[in-house]
Amino acid sequence: MKREDITKNLNRKVKYDNAVYILRGVMISQDESTRALVYTAHLQDYKAPQSYLNCDLWRVDTI
C-alpha cells in the first residue's frame, strides 16, 4: 500500500499475508541511522477482532 491509499482504506478491509484484516491506523517513525520515515500499519484481524498486529505498510494490499 502507498501512503496516498491510507485515508481511503482506513477502517476498511485490507489483505496482508493472504489473510483479511481491517486497517485501524498507521504509525510514522524515523529511522535513526538513515533518517528516513518508516510507515507501520496497525491491523485488526477480521475473523478474530481481539487480535492486532503491526507490519510494514508496503506489505499491505488493498481489496
Protein backbone atom coordinates (compact mmCIF):
# COMPACT_ATOMS: atom_id res chain seq x y z
CA MET A 1 0.00 0.00 0.00
CA LYS A 2 1.19 3.51 -0.74
CA ARG A 3 0.95 6.49 1.58
CA GLU A 4 -1.74 8.01 -0.66
CA ASP A 5 -4.01 5.00 -0.02
CA ILE A 6 -4.02 5.28 3.78
CA THR A 7 -7.02 7.61 4.15
CA LYS A 8 -9.06 5.72 1.54
CA ASN A 9 -8.59 2.39 3.31
CA LEU A 10 -8.69 3.43 6.96
CA ASN A 11 -11.17 1.20 8.87
CA ARG A 12 -11.69 -0.94 5.74
CA LYS A 13 -10.69 -4.46 4.76
CA VAL A 14 -7.14 -4.95 3.52
CA LYS A 15 -5.03 -8.01 2.74
CA TYR A 16 -1.79 -8.99 4.44
CA ASP A 17 -0.05 -12.35 4.09
CA ASN A 18 -3.09 -13.84 2.28
CA ALA A 19 -5.43 -13.00 5.17
CA VAL A 20 -8.07 -10.29 5.59
CA TYR A 21 -7.55 -7.55 8.18
CA ILE A 22 -9.01 -4.14 8.96
CA LEU A 23 -6.62 -1.18 8.72
CA ARG A 24 -7.03 0.60 12.06
CA GLY A 25 -4.16 3.07 11.84
CA VAL A 26 -0.68 3.91 10.64
CA MET A 27 2.30 4.93 12.76
CA ILE A 28 5.10 7.07 11.36
CA SER A 29 8.58 6.88 12.84
CA GLN A 30 12.04 7.92 11.72
CA ASP A 31 14.92 5.52 11.22
CA GLU A 32 17.81 6.71 13.39
CA SER A 33 20.59 5.72 11.01
CA THR A 34 19.12 6.78 7.64
CA ARG A 35 16.71 9.48 8.92
CA ALA A 36 14.07 8.04 6.54
CA LEU A 37 10.41 7.90 7.52
CA VAL A 38 9.07 4.42 8.28
CA TYR A 39 5.33 3.69 7.97
CA THR A 40 3.89 0.89 10.10
CA ALA A 41 0.32 -0.38 9.63
CA HIS A 42 -1.82 -1.30 12.64
CA LEU A 43 -4.10 -4.15 11.54
CA GLN A 44 -7.03 -5.85 13.28
CA ASP A 45 -7.77 -9.47 12.37
CA TYR A 46 -11.13 -9.67 10.58
CA LYS A 47 -12.08 -13.08 11.98
CA ALA A 48 -10.66 -12.54 15.47
CA PRO A 49 -11.34 -8.89 16.40
CA GLN A 50 -9.32 -9.10 19.62
CA SER A 51 -6.11 -9.77 17.63
CA TYR A 52 -3.93 -6.94 16.30
CA LEU A 53 -0.60 -6.83 14.52
CA ASN A 54 1.83 -4.25 13.24
CA CYS A 55 3.64 -4.61 9.92
CA ASP A 56 5.32 -2.52 7.23
CA LEU A 57 2.78 -0.52 5.25
CA TRP A 58 4.26 -1.58 1.91
CA ARG A 59 3.37 -5.23 2.70
CA VAL A 60 -0.37 -4.46 2.98
CA ASP A 61 -2.58 -4.72 -0.13
CA THR A 62 -5.95 -3.12 -0.78
CA ILE A 63 -9.02 -5.25 -1.56
